[in-house]
Amino acid sequence: MLDIFGNLFKHLNNLKIIKMETLFKKGDKVFHICYGWGEVTKVNDAETYAVAVQFYKNDDCEDSEELFTIDGKEYTDDLTSILSFTEYTLQGFTQKKPIVLPEIGELCLVKDFKDKMWKARNFKKFTTHFLDEYGERWDYFKRIKILD
């Protein structure tokens, strides 16, 4: 019996704690099936209910701030997440953020490979890749946020 517990503790000591990172960032627009659309107002990975969302008055409820786990669950023992970046019905939803394409002519950062340096280019269109004003094709792109 002691041998079994000894092996168990040996394995437990070898386990590594994996820190789960939140999908959500402050300012993200999120959807909840009951509250509708809201905005993430606070994210604190150290808390059990790490994501605070401000929901605004709609036909079904008043303004309220609700808390969720870092993976978008209403309660820690829920089997599925309920916060989404897209509106959903009971037919299903996704937590994948939609790609927001730049405006034509907007300055963006582009590169071909993950380990390459970013280059500044003006956006022309998006098919399966980012195309710049010269018709060059890029695998990665980032929008540039210009502060006034």
C-alpha atoms as a PDB file:
ATOM      1  CA  MET A   1       0.000   0.000   0.000  1.00  0.00           C
ATOM      2  CA  LEU A   2       2.809   2.394   0.873  1.00  0.00           C
ATOM      3  CA  ASP A   3       4.423   1.559  -2.464  1.00  0.00           C
ATOM      4  CA  ILE A   4       1.293   2.701  -4.325  1.00  0.00           C
ATOM      5  CA  PHE A   5       1.161   6.037  -2.432  1.00  0.00           C
ATOM      6  CA  GLY A   6       4.902   6.484  -2.859  1.00  0.00           C
ATOM      7  CA  ASN A   7       4.558   6.118  -6.638  1.00  0.00           C
ATOM      8  CA  LEU A   8       1.527   8.428  -6.675  1.00  0.00           C
ATOM      9  CA  PHE A   9       3.382  11.198  -4.822  1.00  0.00           C
ATOM     10  CA  LYS A  10       6.404  10.698  -7.061  1.00  0.00           C
ATOM     11  CA  HIS A  11       4.213  11.262 -10.150  1.00  0.00           C
ATOM     12  CA  LEU A  12       2.405  14.204  -8.573  1.00  0.00           C
ATOM     13  CA  ASN A  13       5.731  15.916  -7.890  1.00  0.00           C
ATOM     14  CA  ASN A  14       6.644  15.531 -11.579  1.00  0.00           C
ATOM     15  CA  LEU A  15       3.439  17.207 -12.795  1.00  0.00           C
ATOM     16  CA  LYS A  16       3.769  20.701 -14.157  1.00  0.00           C
ATOM     17  CA  ILE A  17       1.053  23.235 -13.590  1.00  0.00           C
ATOM     18  CA  ILE A  18      -0.133  24.656 -16.873  1.00  0.00           C
ATOM     19  CA  LYS A  19      -1.337  28.231 -16.689  1.00  0.00           C
ATOM     20  CA  MET A  20      -4.392  28.704 -18.842  1.00  0.00           C
ATOM     21  CA  GLU A  21      -4.381  31.963 -20.771  1.00  0.00           C
ATOM     22  CA  THR A  22      -7.556  33.869 -21.395  1.00  0.00           C
ATOM     23  CA  LEU A  23      -8.968  34.264 -24.878  1.00  0.00           C
ATOM     24  CA  PHE A  24     -10.453  37.580 -23.917  1.00  0.00           C
ATOM     25  CA  LYS A  25      -8.834  41.014 -23.696  1.00  0.00           C
ATOM     26  CA  LYS A  26     -10.094  44.277 -22.242  1.00  0.00           C
ATOM     27  CA  GLY A  27     -12.227  46.054 -24.846  1.00  0.00           C
ATOM     28  CA  ASP A  28     -13.276  42.881 -26.713  1.00  0.00           C
ATOM     29  CA  LYS A  29     -16.911  42.772 -27.821  1.00  0.00           C
ATOM     30  CA  VAL A  30     -18.492  39.477 -26.699  1.00  0.00           C
ATOM     31  CA  PHE A  31     -21.883  37.808 -26.971  1.00  0.00           C
ATOM     32  CA  HIS A  32     -23.859  35.919 -24.320  1.00  0.00           C
ATOM     33  CA  ILE A  33     -27.044  34.049 -25.217  1.00  0.00           C
ATOM     34  CA  CYS A  34     -29.052  35.689 -22.365  1.00  0.00           C
ATOM     35  CA  TYR A  35     -27.436  39.122 -21.984  1.00  0.00           C
ATOM     36  CA  GLY A  36     -26.712  39.843 -25.644  1.00  0.00           C
ATOM     37  CA  TRP A  37     -23.678  41.943 -26.597  1.00  0.00           C
ATOM     38  CA  GLY A  38     -21.252  43.282 -24.006  1.00  0.00           C
ATOM     39  CA  GLU A  39     -17.712  44.556 -23.607  1.00  0.00           C
ATOM     40  CA  VAL A  40     -14.872  43.000 -21.609  1.00  0.00           C
ATOM     41  CA  THR A  41     -14.006  45.580 -18.927  1.00  0.00           C
ATOM     42  CA  LYS A  42     -11.403  43.684 -16.903  1.00  0.00           C
ATOM     43  CA  VAL A  43      -9.242  40.579 -17.188  1.00  0.00           C
ATOM     44  CA  ASN A  44      -7.386  39.215 -14.157  1.00  0.00           C
ATOM     45  CA  ASP A  45      -5.836  35.795 -14.824  1.00  0.00           C
ATOM     46  CA  ALA A  46      -5.177  35.331 -11.091  1.00  0.00           C
ATOM     47  CA  GLU A  47      -8.911  35.175 -10.288  1.00  0.00           C
ATOM     48  CA  THR A  48     -11.230  32.168 -10.758  1.00  0.00           C
ATOM     49  CA  TYR A  49     -13.746  34.457 -12.444  1.00  0.00           C
ATOM     50  CA  ALA A  50     -11.145  36.414 -14.371  1.00  0.00           C
ATOM     51  CA  VAL A  51     -13.217  38.110 -17.087  1.00  0.00           C
ATOM     52  CA  ALA A  52     -15.607  40.968 -16.260  1.00  0.00           C
ATOM     53  CA  VAL A  53     -18.118  41.876 -18.969  1.00  0.00           C
ATOM     54  CA  GLN A  54     -20.401  44.929 -19.029  1.00  0.00           C
ATOM     55  CA  PHE A  55     -23.718  44.107 -20.695  1.00  0.00           C
ATOM     56  CA  TYR A  56     -26.083  46.842 -21.722  1.00  0.00           C
ATOM     57  CA  LYS A  57     -29.845  47.058 -21.286  1.00  0.00           C
ATOM     58  CA  ASN A  58     -31.857  45.139 -23.852  1.00  0.00           C
ATOM     59  CA  ASP A  59     -35.406  43.763 -24.090  1.00  0.00           C
ATOM     60  CA  ASP A  60     -34.665  40.972 -21.598  1.00  0.00           C
ATOM     61  CA  CYS A  61     -32.439  42.556 -18.937  1.00  0.00           C
ATOM     62  CA  GLU A  62     -31.034  45.727 -17.372  1.00  0.00           C
ATOM     63  CA  ASP A  63     -27.397  46.930 -17.500  1.00  0.00           C
ATOM     64  CA  SER A  64     -25.192  44.523 -15.584  1.00  0.00           C
ATOM     65  CA  GLU A  65     -21.603  43.480 -15.096  1.00  0.00           C
ATOM     66  CA  GLU A  66     -21.098  39.719 -15.072  1.00  0.00           C
ATOM     67  CA  LEU A  67     -18.033  37.603 -14.303  1.00  0.00           C
ATOM     68  CA  PHE A  68     -16.770  34.608 -16.275  1.00  0.00           C
ATOM     69  CA  THR A  69     -13.858  32.177 -16.127  1.00  0.00           C
ATOM     70  CA  ILE A  70     -10.826  32.802 -18.346  1.00  0.00           C
ATOM     71  CA  ASP A  71     -12.237  30.416 -20.951  1.00  0.00           C
ATOM     72  CA  GLY A  72     -15.662  32.107 -21.009  1.00  0.00           C
ATOM     73  CA  LYS A  73     -17.639  29.802 -18.719  1.00  0.00           C
ATOM     74  CA  GLU A  74     -20.358  31.164 -16.479  1.00  0.00           C
ATOM     75  CA  TYR A  75     -19.548  28.645 -13.716  1.00  0.00           C
ATOM     76  CA  THR A  76     -16.307  26.727 -13.211  1.00  0.00           C
ATOM     77  CA  ASP A  77     -18.040  23.346 -13.452  1.00  0.00           C
ATOM     78  CA  ASP A  78     -19.840  24.171 -16.743  1.00  0.00           C
ATOM     79  CA  LEU A  79     -18.961  21.804 -19.577  1.00  0.00           C
ATOM     80  CA  THR A  80     -18.921  24.476 -22.274  1.00  0.00           C
ATOM     81  CA  SER A  81     -18.080  28.129 -22.586  1.00  0.00           C
ATOM     82  CA  ILE A  82     -20.885  30.621 -23.128  1.00  0.00           C
ATOM     83  CA  LEU A  83     -19.037  33.816 -24.162  1.00  0.00           C
ATOM     84  CA  SER A  84     -18.425  34.191 -27.881  1.00  0.00           C
ATOM     85  CA  PHE A  85     -16.936  36.744 -30.275  1.00  0.00           C
ATOM     86  CA  THR A  86     -19.837  36.167 -32.655  1.00  0.00           C
ATOM     87  CA  GLU A  87     -23.577  36.118 -32.105  1.00  0.00           C
ATOM     88  CA  TYR A  88     -24.954  32.611 -31.879  1.00  0.00           C
ATOM     89  CA  THR A  89     -28.173  30.688 -31.451  1.00  0.00           C
ATOM     90  CA  LEU A  90     -28.677  27.318 -29.861  1.00  0.00           C
ATOM     91  CA  GLN A  91     -27.359  25.850 -33.140  1.00  0.00           C
ATOM     92  CA  GLY A  92     -23.752  26.562 -32.045  1.00  0.00           C
ATOM     93  CA  PHE A  93     -21.100  29.258 -31.763  1.00  0.00           C
ATOM     94  CA  THR A  94     -17.386  29.941 -31.989  1.00  0.00           C
ATOM     95  CA  GLN A  95     -14.812  31.613 -29.739  1.00  0.00           C
ATOM     96  CA  LYS A  96     -12.560  32.321 -32.699  1.00  0.00           C
ATOM     97  CA  LYS A  97     -12.155  36.049 -33.226  1.00  0.00           C
ATOM     98  CA  PRO A  98     -13.308  37.178 -36.648  1.00  0.00           C
ATOM     99  CA  ILE A  99     -10.637  38.694 -38.899  1.00  0.00           C
ATOM    100  CA  VAL A 100     -11.195  42.417 -39.336  1.00  0.00           C
ATOM    101  CA  LEU A 101      -9.746  43.382 -42.701  1.00  0.00           C
ATOM    102  CA  PRO A 102      -8.096  46.771 -43.184  1.00  0.00           C
ATOM    103  CA  GLU A 103      -9.527  49.412 -45.499  1.00  0.00           C
ATOM    104  CA  ILE A 104      -8.076  49.637 -49.028  1.00  0.00           C
ATOM    105  CA  GLY A 105      -4.892  51.706 -48.838  1.00  0.00           C
ATOM    106  CA  GLU A 106      -4.555  51.282 -45.042  1.00  0.00           C
ATOM    107  CA  LEU A 107      -0.942  50.899 -43.845  1.00  0.00           C
ATOM    108  CA  CYS A 108      -0.274  47.456 -42.330  1.00  0.00           C
ATOM    109  CA  LEU A 109       2.646  45.315 -41.223  1.00  0.00           C
ATOM    110  CA  VAL A 110       3.314  42.209 -43.348  1.00  0.00           C
ATOM    111  CA  LYS A 111       5.729  39.272 -43.506  1.00  0.00           C
ATOM    112  CA  ASP A 112       6.096  35.888 -45.241  1.00  0.00           C
ATOM    113  CA  PHE A 113       7.281  33.736 -42.356  1.00  0.00           C
ATOM    114  CA  LYS A 114       6.834  33.860 -38.577  1.00  0.00           C
ATOM    115  CA  ASP A 115      10.546  34.442 -37.947  1.00  0.00           C
ATOM    116  CA  LYS A 116      10.962  37.236 -40.522  1.00  0.00           C
ATOM    117  CA  MET A 117      10.902  40.978 -39.885  1.00  0.00           C
ATOM    118  CA  TRP A 118       7.688  42.943 -40.349  1.00  0.00           C
ATOM    119  CA  LYS A 119       7.483  45.326 -43.348  1.00  0.00           C
ATOM    120  CA  ALA A 120       5.070  48.235 -43.827  1.00  0.00           C
ATOM    121  CA  ARG A 121       2.737  47.911 -46.835  1.00  0.00           C
ATOM    122  CA  ASN A 122      -0.574  49.395 -47.963  1.00  0.00           C
ATOM    123  CA  PHE A 123      -3.498  46.971 -48.093  1.00  0.00           C
ATOM    124  CA  LYS A 124      -5.101  46.286 -51.479  1.00  0.00           C
ATOM    125  CA  LYS A 125      -7.264  43.186 -50.967  1.00  0.00           C
ATOM    126  CA  PHE A 126      -7.498  39.825 -49.232  1.00  0.00           C
ATOM    127  CA  THR A 127      -8.181  36.573 -51.075  1.00  0.00           C
ATOM    128  CA  THR A 128      -6.404  33.660 -49.426  1.00  0.00           C
ATOM    129  CA  HIS A 129      -3.499  35.980 -48.552  1.00  0.00           C
ATOM    130  CA  PHE A 130      -2.887  39.649 -47.870  1.00  0.00           C
ATOM    131  CA  LEU A 131      -2.164  41.496 -51.119  1.00  0.00           C
ATOM    132  CA  ASP A 132      -0.384  44.850 -51.015  1.00  0.00           C
ATOM    133  CA  GLU A 133      -0.573  47.773 -53.452  1.00  0.00           C
ATOM    134  CA  TYR A 134       2.141  46.162 -55.619  1.00  0.00           C
ATOM    135  CA  GLY A 135       0.242  42.866 -55.880  1.00  0.00           C
ATOM    136  CA  GLU A 136       2.736  41.093 -53.608  1.00  0.00           C
ATOM    137  CA  ARG A 137       1.291  38.261 -51.517  1.00  0.00           C
ATOM    138  CA  TRP A 138       1.960  38.005 -47.751  1.00  0.00           C
ATOM    139  CA  ASP A 139       1.150  35.218 -45.297  1.00  0.00           C
ATOM    140  CA  TYR A 140       0.965  37.344 -42.140  1.00  0.00           C
ATOM    141  CA  PHE A 141      -0.408  40.821 -41.563  1.00  0.00           C
ATOM    142  CA  LYS A 142      -1.204  43.145 -38.655  1.00  0.00           C
ATOM    143  CA  ARG A 143      -3.204  46.305 -38.656  1.00  0.00           C
ATOM    144  CA  ILE A 144      -1.348  49.328 -37.318  1.00  0.00           C
ATOM    145  CA  LYS A 145      -3.140  51.378 -34.687  1.00  0.00           C
ATOM    146  CA  ILE A 146      -2.188  55.024 -35.162  1.00  0.00           C
ATOM    147  CA  LEU A 147      -2.608  57.149 -32.058  1.00  0.00           C
ATOM    148  CA  ASP A 148      -3.618  60.769 -32.444  1.00  0.00           C
END
